[in-house]
N, C-alpha and C. Protein backbone atom coordinates (compact mmCIF):
# COMPACT_ATOMS: atom_id res chain seq x y z
N UNK A 1 0.29 -0.98 -0.12
CA UNK A 1 -0.20 -0.45 -0.01
C UNK A 1 0.69 1.31 -0.13
N UNK A 2 1.75 1.23 0.50
CA UNK A 2 2.77 2.31 0.80
C UNK A 2 3.40 2.47 -0.13
N UNK A 3 4.01 2.01 -0.99
CA UNK A 3 4.48 2.21 -2.63
C UNK A 3 3.32 2.57 -3.59
N UNK A 4 2.06 2.07 -3.40
CA UNK A 4 1.26 3.21 -4.35
C UNK A 4 0.67 4.51 -3.83
N UNK A 5 0.84 4.66 -2.64
CA UNK A 5 1.14 5.98 -2.09
C UNK A 5 2.30 6.84 -2.42
N UNK A 6 3.67 6.36 -2.86
CA UNK A 6 4.76 6.87 -3.60
C UNK A 6 4.91 6.90 -4.42
N UNK A 7 4.12 6.14 -5.30
CA UNK A 7 4.23 6.03 -7.00
C UNK A 7 3.42 7.38 -7.43
N UNK A 8 2.61 7.67 -6.81
CA UNK A 8 2.17 9.01 -7.64
C UNK A 8 2.32 10.08 -7.61
N UNK A 9 3.12 10.55 -6.34
CA UNK A 9 4.31 11.56 -5.22
C UNK A 9 5.19 11.46 -6.77
N UNK A 10 5.88 9.76 -6.60
CA UNK A 10 7.09 10.33 -8.04
C UNK A 10 6.72 10.91 -8.88
N UNK A 11 5.58 10.28 -9.46
CA UNK A 11 5.16 10.70 -11.20
C UNK A 11 5.09 12.20 -10.82
N UNK A 12 4.64 13.05 -10.01
CA UNK A 12 4.42 13.99 -8.98
C UNK A 12 5.41 14.62 -9.71
N UNK A 13 6.18 14.66 -9.28
CA UNK A 13 7.80 15.31 -9.14
C UNK A 13 8.43 14.56 -10.37
N UNK A 14 8.53 14.17 -11.35
CA UNK A 14 8.94 14.22 -12.43
C UNK A 14 7.76 15.10 -13.79
N UNK A 15 6.90 14.76 -13.75
CA UNK A 15 5.99 15.94 -14.05
C UNK A 15 6.71 17.23 -14.08
N UNK A 16 6.73 17.49 -12.81
CA UNK A 16 6.77 19.09 -12.42
C UNK A 16 8.50 19.22 -12.78
N UNK A 17 9.40 18.22 -12.37
CA UNK A 17 11.07 18.50 -13.30
C UNK A 17 10.67 18.83 -15.16
N UNK A 18 9.76 18.17 -15.40
CA UNK A 18 9.33 18.14 -17.07
C UNK A 18 9.29 19.85 -17.58
N UNK A 19 8.47 20.01 -16.79
CA UNK A 19 7.63 21.23 -16.66
C UNK A 19 8.75 22.62 -16.52
N UNK A 20 9.46 22.39 -15.45
CA UNK A 20 10.69 23.08 -15.63
C UNK A 20 11.97 23.46 -16.23
N UNK A 21 11.83 22.28 -17.37
CA UNK A 21 12.87 21.70 -18.76
C UNK A 21 12.17 22.92 -19.46
N UNK A 22 12.98 24.17 -19.69
CA UNK A 22 12.11 24.71 -21.02
C UNK A 22 13.45 24.81 -22.00
N UNK A 23 12.58 25.15 -23.46
CA UNK A 23 13.73 25.12 -24.61
C UNK A 23 13.45 26.56 -25.07
N UNK A 24 14.33 27.41 -25.65
CA UNK A 24 13.87 28.71 -25.73
C UNK A 24 13.07 29.19 -26.95
N UNK A 25 13.11 28.12 -27.97
CA UNK A 25 12.21 27.99 -29.14
C UNK A 25 11.74 26.77 -29.08
N UNK A 26 10.16 27.25 -28.79
CA UNK A 26 9.22 26.35 -28.88
C UNK A 26 8.44 25.77 -30.63
N UNK A 27 8.25 26.75 -31.59
CA UNK A 27 8.48 26.00 -32.90
C UNK A 27 8.86 27.12 -34.12
N UNK A 28 9.31 26.30 -34.47
CA UNK A 28 9.50 27.61 -35.93
C UNK A 28 8.60 27.10 -37.11
N UNK A 29 7.31 28.05 -37.63
CA UNK A 29 6.39 28.42 -38.76
C UNK A 29 6.86 28.39 -39.80
N UNK A 30 7.13 28.49 -40.63
CA UNK A 30 5.86 29.11 -42.28
C UNK A 30 5.07 28.61 -42.33
N UNK A 31 4.07 29.75 -42.98
CA UNK A 31 2.65 29.72 -43.43
C UNK A 31 2.50 30.79 -44.23
N UNK A 32 2.00 30.32 -45.42
CA UNK A 32 1.27 31.26 -46.35
C UNK A 32 0.26 32.76 -45.55
N UNK A 33 0.12 33.29 -47.19
CA UNK A 33 -1.00 34.07 -46.73
C UNK A 33 -2.36 33.47 -46.39
N UNK A 34 -2.83 32.54 -46.92
CA UNK A 34 -3.73 31.62 -46.46
C UNK A 34 -4.04 30.58 -45.71
N UNK A 35 -2.91 30.62 -44.57
CA UNK A 35 -2.95 30.11 -43.39
C UNK A 35 -2.42 28.82 -43.69
N UNK A 36 -2.18 28.32 -45.09
CA UNK A 36 -1.35 26.71 -45.38
C UNK A 36 0.21 26.69 -44.72
N UNK A 37 0.00 25.58 -43.67
CA UNK A 37 1.13 25.65 -43.57
C UNK A 37 2.71 25.28 -44.26
N UNK A 38 3.44 25.71 -44.44
CA UNK A 38 4.60 25.31 -45.87
C UNK A 38 5.66 24.84 -44.88
N UNK A 39 5.82 25.02 -43.83
CA UNK A 39 7.19 24.27 -42.82
C UNK A 39 6.59 24.43 -41.82
N UNK A 40 6.87 23.64 -40.48
CA UNK A 40 6.35 23.37 -39.31
C UNK A 40 7.82 22.19 -38.36
N UNK A 41 8.25 23.08 -37.47
CA UNK A 41 9.25 22.53 -36.40
C UNK A 41 8.67 22.42 -35.08
N UNK A 42 8.24 21.44 -34.62
CA UNK A 42 8.04 22.20 -33.23
C UNK A 42 9.63 21.31 -32.42
N UNK A 43 9.75 22.21 -31.09
CA UNK A 43 11.03 21.05 -30.29
C UNK A 43 10.51 21.33 -29.44
N UNK A 44 9.06 20.78 -28.99
CA UNK A 44 8.64 20.16 -27.33
C UNK A 44 7.31 19.43 -28.12
N UNK A 45 7.34 18.14 -27.27
CA UNK A 45 5.95 17.10 -27.76
C UNK A 45 4.88 17.71 -27.89
N UNK A 46 3.94 17.82 -28.49
CA UNK A 46 2.41 18.08 -28.37
C UNK A 46 1.80 17.16 -29.00
N UNK A 47 0.43 17.14 -28.90
CA UNK A 47 0.05 16.17 -29.64
C UNK A 47 -0.56 16.77 -30.82
N UNK A 48 -0.94 16.06 -31.93
CA UNK A 48 -1.09 16.44 -33.55
C UNK A 48 -2.25 17.68 -33.04
N UNK A 49 -2.98 17.31 -32.44
CA UNK A 49 -4.56 18.12 -32.02
C UNK A 49 -3.87 19.66 -31.14
N UNK A 50 -2.49 19.52 -30.82
CA UNK A 50 -2.17 20.76 -29.98
C UNK A 50 -1.06 21.08 -30.80
N UNK A 51 -0.56 20.93 -31.73
CA UNK A 51 0.54 21.26 -32.93
C UNK A 51 -0.72 22.11 -34.00
N UNK A 52 -2.03 21.50 -34.39
CA UNK A 52 -2.44 22.09 -35.04
C UNK A 52 -3.60 23.28 -34.26
N UNK A 53 -3.71 23.44 -33.65
CA UNK A 53 -4.13 24.39 -32.35
C UNK A 53 -3.35 25.60 -31.97
N UNK A 54 -1.85 25.32 -32.02
CA UNK A 54 -0.57 26.23 -31.92
C UNK A 54 -1.02 26.83 -33.19
N UNK A 55 -0.68 26.27 -34.50
CA UNK A 55 -0.72 26.72 -35.95
C UNK A 55 -1.79 27.71 -35.96
N UNK A 56 -2.63 27.74 -35.87
CA UNK A 56 -4.11 28.27 -36.34
C UNK A 56 -4.68 29.83 -35.49
N UNK A 57 -4.27 28.79 -34.60
CA UNK A 57 -3.81 30.29 -33.57
C UNK A 57 -2.74 31.36 -33.76
N UNK A 58 -1.87 30.76 -33.74
CA UNK A 58 -0.67 32.14 -34.78
C UNK A 58 -0.94 32.56 -35.59
N UNK A 59 -1.43 31.69 -36.81
CA UNK A 59 -1.49 32.67 -37.91
C UNK A 59 -3.02 33.92 -37.73
N UNK A 60 -3.79 33.24 -37.22
CA UNK A 60 -4.75 34.41 -36.76
C UNK A 60 -4.10 36.15 -36.06
N UNK A 61 -3.21 35.01 -35.20
CA UNK A 61 -2.79 36.61 -34.55
C UNK A 61 -1.99 37.21 -35.67
N UNK A 62 -0.78 36.99 -36.25
CA UNK A 62 -0.18 37.92 -37.18
C UNK A 62 -0.95 38.49 -38.53
N UNK A 63 -1.73 37.46 -38.99
CA UNK A 63 -2.50 37.52 -40.48
C UNK A 63 -3.39 38.73 -40.01
N UNK A 64 -3.81 39.39 -38.63
CA UNK A 64 -4.67 40.40 -38.24
C UNK A 64 -4.15 41.70 -38.52
N UNK A 65 -2.74 41.16 -38.29
CA UNK A 65 -1.84 42.85 -37.55
C UNK A 65 -1.31 43.40 -38.72
N UNK A 66 -1.61 44.73 -38.50
CA UNK A 66 -0.86 45.66 -39.84
C UNK A 66 0.21 45.74 -39.96
N UNK A 67 0.83 45.51 -41.17
CA UNK A 67 2.46 45.64 -41.60
C UNK A 67 3.83 46.32 -40.44
N UNK A 68 2.75 47.74 -40.53
CA UNK A 68 3.78 48.76 -39.32
C UNK A 68 3.62 48.91 -37.86
N UNK A 69 2.40 47.44 -37.56
CA UNK A 69 2.63 47.22 -36.05
C UNK A 69 4.20 46.22 -35.68
N UNK A 70 4.83 46.42 -34.47
CA UNK A 70 5.86 45.12 -34.50
C UNK A 70 5.51 44.03 -34.72
N UNK A 71 6.79 43.17 -34.65
CA UNK A 71 6.96 41.78 -34.65
C UNK A 71 6.76 40.98 -33.77
N UNK A 72 6.60 41.40 -32.60
CA UNK A 72 6.14 41.01 -31.56
C UNK A 72 4.80 40.98 -30.71
N UNK A 73 3.98 39.83 -30.62
CA UNK A 73 2.58 39.73 -29.58
C UNK A 73 3.01 38.75 -28.29
N UNK A 74 2.56 39.14 -27.95
CA UNK A 74 2.48 38.10 -26.27
C UNK A 74 1.14 37.64 -25.96
N UNK A 75 0.87 36.14 -25.79
CA UNK A 75 -0.75 35.57 -26.06
C UNK A 75 -0.28 34.35 -25.21
N UNK A 76 -1.54 34.72 -24.10
CA UNK A 76 -1.50 33.48 -23.12
C UNK A 76 -1.79 31.97 -23.37
N UNK A 77 -2.52 32.23 -24.04
CA UNK A 77 -3.59 31.45 -24.79
C UNK A 77 -2.71 30.62 -25.61
N UNK A 78 -1.42 30.77 -26.03
CA UNK A 78 -0.67 30.23 -26.88
C UNK A 78 0.17 28.92 -26.51
N UNK A 79 1.00 29.24 -25.18
CA UNK A 79 1.90 27.95 -24.86
C UNK A 79 1.49 28.90 -22.84
N UNK A 80 1.44 29.41 -22.64
CA UNK A 80 1.29 30.05 -21.29
C UNK A 80 1.99 31.19 -21.91
N UNK A 81 2.18 31.83 -20.47
CA UNK A 81 2.67 33.45 -20.14
C UNK A 81 3.93 33.54 -20.08
N UNK A 82 4.58 32.64 -19.98
CA UNK A 82 5.78 32.77 -20.36
C UNK A 82 6.52 32.62 -21.60
N UNK A 83 5.99 33.06 -22.53
CA UNK A 83 5.92 32.73 -24.17
C UNK A 83 5.97 34.02 -24.84
N UNK A 84 6.36 33.91 -26.24
CA UNK A 84 5.76 35.15 -27.11
C UNK A 84 6.27 34.76 -28.62
N UNK A 85 5.30 35.74 -29.32
CA UNK A 85 5.46 34.91 -30.85
C UNK A 85 6.67 36.53 -31.46
N UNK A 86 7.11 36.13 -32.15
CA UNK A 86 7.53 36.88 -32.86
C UNK A 86 7.71 36.30 -34.48
N UNK A 87 7.50 37.24 -35.40
CA UNK A 87 7.27 36.82 -37.14
C UNK A 87 7.89 38.15 -37.84
N UNK A 88 8.37 37.48 -39.23
CA UNK A 88 8.48 38.42 -40.08
C UNK A 88 7.69 37.95 -41.25
N UNK A 89 6.73 38.84 -41.82
CA UNK A 89 6.27 38.25 -43.39
C UNK A 89 7.05 39.18 -44.91
N UNK A 90 7.63 38.08 -44.93
CA UNK A 90 8.13 38.43 -46.58
C UNK A 90 7.09 37.52 -47.77
N UNK A 91 7.23 38.90 -48.50
CA UNK A 91 6.09 38.51 -49.33
C UNK A 91 5.01 37.71 -49.79
N UNK A 92 4.49 36.37 -49.95
CA UNK A 92 3.98 35.47 -49.19
C UNK A 92 3.50 34.51 -48.18
N UNK A 93 4.73 34.70 -47.27
CA UNK A 93 5.18 33.76 -46.50
C UNK A 93 5.29 34.35 -44.81
N UNK A 94 4.52 34.49 -44.07
CA UNK A 94 4.55 34.93 -42.66
C UNK A 94 6.36 33.55 -41.96
N UNK A 95 6.94 34.22 -41.33
CA UNK A 95 8.19 33.21 -40.96
C UNK A 95 7.90 33.67 -38.98
N UNK A 96 7.17 32.67 -38.48
CA UNK A 96 7.07 32.68 -37.17
C UNK A 96 7.55 32.12 -35.92
N UNK A 97 7.68 32.46 -34.69
CA UNK A 97 8.84 31.47 -34.15
C UNK A 97 8.17 32.02 -32.60
N UNK A 98 7.97 31.01 -31.97
CA UNK A 98 7.10 30.66 -30.63
C UNK A 98 8.06 30.47 -29.83
N UNK A 99 8.21 31.40 -28.76
CA UNK A 99 9.65 30.89 -27.74
C UNK A 99 9.69 31.90 -26.49
N UNK A 100 10.39 31.29 -25.74
CA UNK A 100 10.15 31.44 -24.26
C UNK A 100 10.56 33.20 -24.11
N UNK A 101 10.11 34.09 -23.06
CA UNK A 101 10.23 35.19 -23.14
C UNK A 101 11.49 35.45 -22.62
N UNK A 102 12.47 34.59 -22.46
CA UNK A 102 13.70 34.60 -21.81
C UNK A 102 14.99 35.14 -23.52
N UNK A 103 14.51 34.83 -24.07
CA UNK A 103 14.82 34.89 -25.41
C UNK A 103 14.48 36.16 -25.91
N UNK A 104 15.75 36.41 -26.56
CA UNK A 104 15.65 38.06 -26.89
C UNK A 104 14.71 38.78 -28.54
N UNK A 105 14.01 39.46 -28.58
CA UNK A 105 12.97 39.63 -29.64
C UNK A 105 13.71 39.65 -31.06
N UNK A 106 15.15 40.91 -30.84
CA UNK A 106 15.89 41.25 -31.58
C UNK A 106 17.30 39.69 -31.92
N UNK A 107 16.98 38.89 -31.46
CA UNK A 107 17.82 38.33 -31.71
C UNK A 107 16.96 37.30 -32.37
N UNK A 108 15.86 37.17 -32.50
CA UNK A 108 15.39 35.97 -33.28
C UNK A 108 14.61 36.51 -34.57
N UNK A 109 14.53 37.76 -34.02
CA UNK A 109 14.18 38.45 -35.83
C UNK A 109 15.54 38.61 -36.79
N UNK A 110 16.68 38.68 -36.24
CA UNK A 110 17.73 37.95 -36.64
C UNK A 110 17.86 37.11 -37.16
N UNK A 111 17.33 35.66 -36.35
CA UNK A 111 17.61 34.25 -36.54
C UNK A 111 16.74 33.59 -38.20
N UNK A 112 15.36 34.67 -37.77
CA UNK A 112 14.45 34.83 -39.22
C UNK A 112 14.70 35.29 -40.59
N UNK A 113 15.87 36.52 -40.47
CA UNK A 113 16.20 37.04 -41.11
C UNK A 113 17.68 36.30 -41.51
N UNK A 114 18.51 35.47 -41.10
CA UNK A 114 19.64 34.77 -41.51
C UNK A 114 18.60 33.91 -42.38
N UNK A 115 18.23 32.85 -41.56
CA UNK A 115 17.02 31.99 -42.32
C UNK A 115 16.63 31.95 -43.65
N UNK A 116 15.90 33.03 -43.66
CA UNK A 116 15.70 33.83 -45.59
C UNK A 116 17.09 34.07 -46.36
N UNK A 117 17.74 34.26 -46.21
CA UNK A 117 18.79 35.23 -46.29
C UNK A 117 19.58 33.68 -47.07
N UNK A 118 19.58 32.19 -46.34
CA UNK A 118 19.95 31.23 -46.27
C UNK A 118 19.34 30.16 -47.30
N UNK A 119 17.92 30.60 -47.18
CA UNK A 119 17.20 29.95 -48.66
C UNK A 119 17.39 30.59 -49.63
N UNK A 120 17.55 31.99 -49.51
CA UNK A 120 17.75 32.71 -50.67
C UNK A 120 18.98 32.26 -51.18
N UNK A 121 20.03 32.05 -50.73
CA UNK A 121 21.23 31.38 -51.29
C UNK A 121 21.43 30.52 -51.48
N UNK A 122 20.68 29.17 -51.18
CA UNK A 122 20.31 28.06 -51.53
C UNK A 122 19.93 27.70 -52.82
N UNK A 123 18.53 28.28 -52.54
CA UNK A 123 17.31 27.98 -53.84
C UNK A 123 17.30 29.36 -54.88
N UNK A 124 18.02 30.02 -55.19
CA UNK A 124 18.47 31.63 -55.74
C UNK A 124 17.22 32.41 -56.09
N UNK A 125 16.84 33.30 -55.21
CA UNK A 125 15.83 34.25 -55.25
C UNK A 125 14.37 33.09 -54.44
N UNK A 126 14.29 32.87 -53.26
CA UNK A 126 13.73 31.55 -52.98
C UNK A 126 12.20 31.85 -52.88
N UNK A 127 11.07 30.97 -53.17
CA UNK A 127 9.79 31.81 -53.00
C UNK A 127 9.30 30.38 -52.56
N UNK A 128 7.68 30.59 -52.18
CA UNK A 128 7.40 29.66 -51.66
C UNK A 128 7.36 28.38 -52.35
N UNK A 129 7.34 28.69 -53.62
CA UNK A 129 7.43 26.70 -54.13
C UNK A 129 8.28 26.26 -53.95
N UNK A 130 9.41 27.10 -53.74
CA UNK A 130 11.03 26.24 -53.50
C UNK A 130 10.98 25.74 -52.00
N UNK A 131 9.87 25.99 -50.85
CA UNK A 131 9.62 25.64 -49.47
C UNK A 131 8.68 24.25 -50.07
N UNK A 132 7.83 24.61 -50.90
CA UNK A 132 7.25 23.32 -51.11
C UNK A 132 7.47 22.43 -51.67
N UNK A 133 8.47 22.27 -52.60
CA UNK A 133 8.72 21.62 -53.32
C UNK A 133 9.74 20.52 -52.71
N UNK A 134 10.74 21.19 -52.11
CA UNK A 134 11.99 21.17 -50.65
C UNK A 134 12.02 21.62 -49.88
N UNK A 135 11.22 20.51 -49.07
CA UNK A 135 10.72 20.23 -47.64
C UNK A 135 12.00 20.06 -46.95
N UNK A 136 12.62 18.83 -47.49
CA UNK A 136 13.40 18.06 -46.64
C UNK A 136 14.65 19.62 -46.53
N UNK A 137 14.58 20.30 -47.89
CA UNK A 137 16.28 21.14 -47.89
C UNK A 137 15.55 22.32 -46.66
N UNK A 138 15.14 22.50 -46.88
CA UNK A 138 14.38 23.71 -45.75
C UNK A 138 14.23 23.37 -44.98
N UNK A 139 14.29 21.97 -44.22
CA UNK A 139 13.77 21.16 -42.94
C UNK A 139 15.47 21.50 -42.73
N UNK A 140 16.51 21.05 -43.77
CA UNK A 140 17.44 20.79 -43.03
C UNK A 140 18.50 22.14 -42.88
N UNK A 141 18.20 22.78 -43.61
CA UNK A 141 19.02 23.95 -42.92
C UNK A 141 18.68 24.83 -41.55
N UNK A 142 17.16 24.82 -41.86
CA UNK A 142 16.84 25.12 -40.44
C UNK A 142 16.99 24.03 -39.33
N UNK A 143 17.39 22.71 -39.24
CA UNK A 143 18.36 22.26 -38.68
C UNK A 143 20.00 22.77 -38.50
N UNK A 144 20.12 23.00 -39.27
CA UNK A 144 21.68 23.61 -38.93
C UNK A 144 21.62 24.28 -38.50
N UNK A 145 20.43 25.46 -38.16
CA UNK A 145 20.51 26.87 -37.30
C UNK A 145 20.06 26.72 -36.08
N UNK A 146 18.83 25.72 -35.82
CA UNK A 146 18.19 25.30 -34.94
C UNK A 146 18.29 23.61 -34.11
N UNK A 147 18.73 23.43 -33.26
CA UNK A 147 18.04 22.31 -32.88
C UNK A 147 17.80 21.74 -30.94
N UNK A 148 16.63 21.30 -31.10
CA UNK A 148 16.35 21.04 -29.75
C UNK A 148 15.53 22.22 -29.27
N UNK A 149 15.56 23.01 -29.83
CA UNK A 149 15.12 24.23 -29.42
C UNK A 149 16.38 25.21 -29.07
N UNK A 150 17.16 24.79 -29.81
CA UNK A 150 18.48 25.82 -29.14
C UNK A 150 18.84 26.37 -29.89
N UNK A 151 19.52 27.73 -30.72
CA UNK A 151 20.06 28.20 -31.71
C UNK A 151 21.55 28.19 -31.70
N UNK A 152 22.24 26.88 -32.68
CA UNK A 152 23.81 26.54 -32.66
C UNK A 152 24.24 27.90 -33.82
N UNK A 153 23.70 27.59 -35.09
CA UNK A 153 24.88 28.50 -35.94
C UNK A 153 23.55 29.56 -36.38
N UNK A 154 24.17 30.77 -36.63
CA UNK A 154 22.97 32.03 -37.47
C UNK A 154 24.34 32.54 -38.59
N UNK A 155 25.31 31.96 -38.84
CA UNK A 155 26.26 32.48 -39.61
C UNK A 155 26.03 31.94 -41.04
N UNK A 156 25.33 32.81 -42.35
CA UNK A 156 24.74 32.13 -43.30
C UNK A 156 25.48 30.91 -44.23
N UNK A 157 26.84 31.66 -44.59
CA UNK A 157 27.50 31.24 -45.10
C UNK A 157 28.34 30.01 -44.70
N UNK A 158 28.54 29.31 -43.31
CA UNK A 158 28.82 28.58 -42.28
C UNK A 158 27.35 27.20 -42.76
N UNK A 159 26.41 27.86 -42.87
CA UNK A 159 25.57 26.72 -42.81
C UNK A 159 25.23 26.56 -44.04
N UNK A 160 24.98 27.30 -45.39
CA UNK A 160 25.35 27.02 -47.25
C UNK A 160 26.23 25.99 -46.90
N UNK A 161 27.83 26.30 -46.08
CA UNK A 161 28.88 25.38 -46.75
C UNK A 161 28.46 23.91 -45.56
N UNK A 162 28.01 24.24 -44.42
CA UNK A 162 27.20 22.46 -43.96
C UNK A 162 26.68 21.53 -44.74
N UNK A 163 25.15 22.40 -45.50
CA UNK A 163 24.24 21.93 -46.27
C UNK A 163 25.04 21.29 -47.40
N UNK A 164 25.84 22.12 -48.09
CA UNK A 164 26.73 21.10 -49.43
C UNK A 164 27.20 20.58 -49.32
N UNK A 165 28.09 20.17 -48.19
CA UNK A 165 29.16 19.01 -47.41
C UNK A 165 27.22 18.15 -47.52
N UNK A 166 26.77 17.97 -46.55
CA UNK A 166 26.09 17.13 -46.35
C UNK A 166 25.41 16.60 -47.66
N UNK A 167 24.96 17.20 -48.34
CA UNK A 167 24.28 17.25 -49.68
C UNK A 167 25.49 16.22 -50.44
N UNK A 168 26.51 16.57 -50.75
CA UNK A 168 27.89 15.88 -51.64
C UNK A 168 27.84 14.42 -50.65
N UNK A 169 27.36 14.15 -49.39
CA UNK A 169 28.26 13.27 -48.39
C UNK A 169 26.61 12.09 -48.79
N UNK A 170 25.70 12.50 -48.92
CA UNK A 170 24.01 11.84 -49.46
C UNK A 170 24.15 11.49 -50.76
N UNK A 171 25.21 11.93 -51.72
CA UNK A 171 24.97 11.94 -53.43
C UNK A 171 25.63 10.62 -53.30
N UNK A 172 27.31 10.65 -52.65
CA UNK A 172 28.28 9.93 -52.50
C UNK A 172 27.89 8.53 -52.48
N UNK A 173 27.04 8.10 -50.56
CA UNK A 173 26.74 7.45 -50.30
C UNK A 173 25.66 6.83 -51.49
N UNK A 174 24.66 7.94 -52.11
CA UNK A 174 23.78 7.07 -53.22
C UNK A 174 24.57 6.27 -54.52
N UNK A 175 25.66 7.32 -55.15
CA UNK A 175 25.96 6.36 -55.86
C UNK A 175 27.33 5.00 -55.48
N UNK A 176 27.19 4.70 -54.39
CA UNK A 176 28.26 3.66 -54.20
C UNK A 176 27.13 2.57 -53.37
N UNK A 177 25.61 3.16 -53.51
CA UNK A 177 24.42 1.86 -53.77
C UNK A 177 23.56 1.89 -54.49
N UNK A 178 24.52 2.12 -55.82
CA UNK A 178 23.71 1.99 -57.16
C UNK A 178 23.52 0.54 -57.57
N UNK A 179 22.69 0.46 -57.91
CA UNK A 179 22.35 -1.46 -58.84
C UNK A 179 24.16 -1.84 -59.00
N UNK A 180 24.65 -1.29 -59.45
CA UNK A 180 25.58 -1.49 -60.29
C UNK A 180 26.85 -1.59 -59.30
N UNK A 181 26.20 -1.75 -58.12
CA UNK A 181 27.51 -1.82 -57.09
C UNK A 181 28.32 -0.43 -56.73
N UNK A 182 28.50 0.70 -57.55
CA UNK A 182 29.26 1.46 -57.48
C UNK A 182 30.65 0.68 -58.84
N UNK A 183 30.42 -0.15 -59.68
CA UNK A 183 31.88 -0.39 -60.59
C UNK A 183 31.29 0.49 -61.45
N UNK A 184 30.27 1.58 -61.55
CA UNK A 184 30.05 2.73 -62.74
C UNK A 184 31.51 3.57 -62.06
N UNK A 185 32.46 4.07 -63.02
CA UNK A 185 33.14 5.43 -62.90
C UNK A 185 33.28 6.27 -63.60
N UNK A 186 32.89 7.46 -63.37
CA UNK A 186 32.00 9.01 -64.40
C UNK A 186 32.62 8.64 -65.12
N UNK A 187 34.42 8.83 -64.57
CA UNK A 187 35.90 9.15 -65.88
C UNK A 187 36.14 8.28 -66.69
N UNK A 188 35.45 6.52 -65.89
CA UNK A 188 36.00 6.20 -67.27
C UNK A 188 34.97 4.67 -67.06
N UNK A 189 34.17 4.72 -68.04
CA UNK A 189 32.77 3.69 -67.85
C UNK A 189 33.38 2.44 -67.58
N UNK A 190 34.48 1.73 -68.07
CA UNK A 190 34.94 0.43 -67.57
C UNK A 190 35.50 0.81 -66.06
N UNK A 191 35.20 0.22 -65.92
CA UNK A 191 36.03 0.35 -64.04
C UNK A 191 36.57 -1.22 -63.90
N UNK A 192 36.63 -1.89 -64.77
CA UNK A 192 36.88 -3.67 -64.35
C UNK A 192 38.73 -3.75 -64.25
């Protein structure tokens, strides 16, 4: 009987510890002017229903705002009172970051700017269709910048360099796993 009483206490303690662990960035969203998500990255566990609610709520908040207003929105309904939403509107896309209030608003705006510049370098004049048809590439570039809700890299040139290295290693791996068993040599058609 004593173990049954202790177990709920231990579970409550674990829940408290988990709630104390905060990530700086909760999610990074790219949503078009019509509310269609184009790229979604959540850095904490949420159910699909909670994610959809967050996406819809974030879109409603930013789409109603005039362009001459600041790019910071505080809303307790989204993730609680310790978070805020920071966004930029480029052409047909909203780039939205929901993060803890401890995070610098200007730092997040700069992060969004660096991400857009990096996409622009990678796709040469990036547009919504580039993100739609190259979601993996756009996601990998974002993963080079943010992992686990923490910002790792903000140097656009370094991010592009790392992505190209990653792309090259994928290409080399694909070539060695080809049906010909890697026997085909590009310089010489006979590798025997």
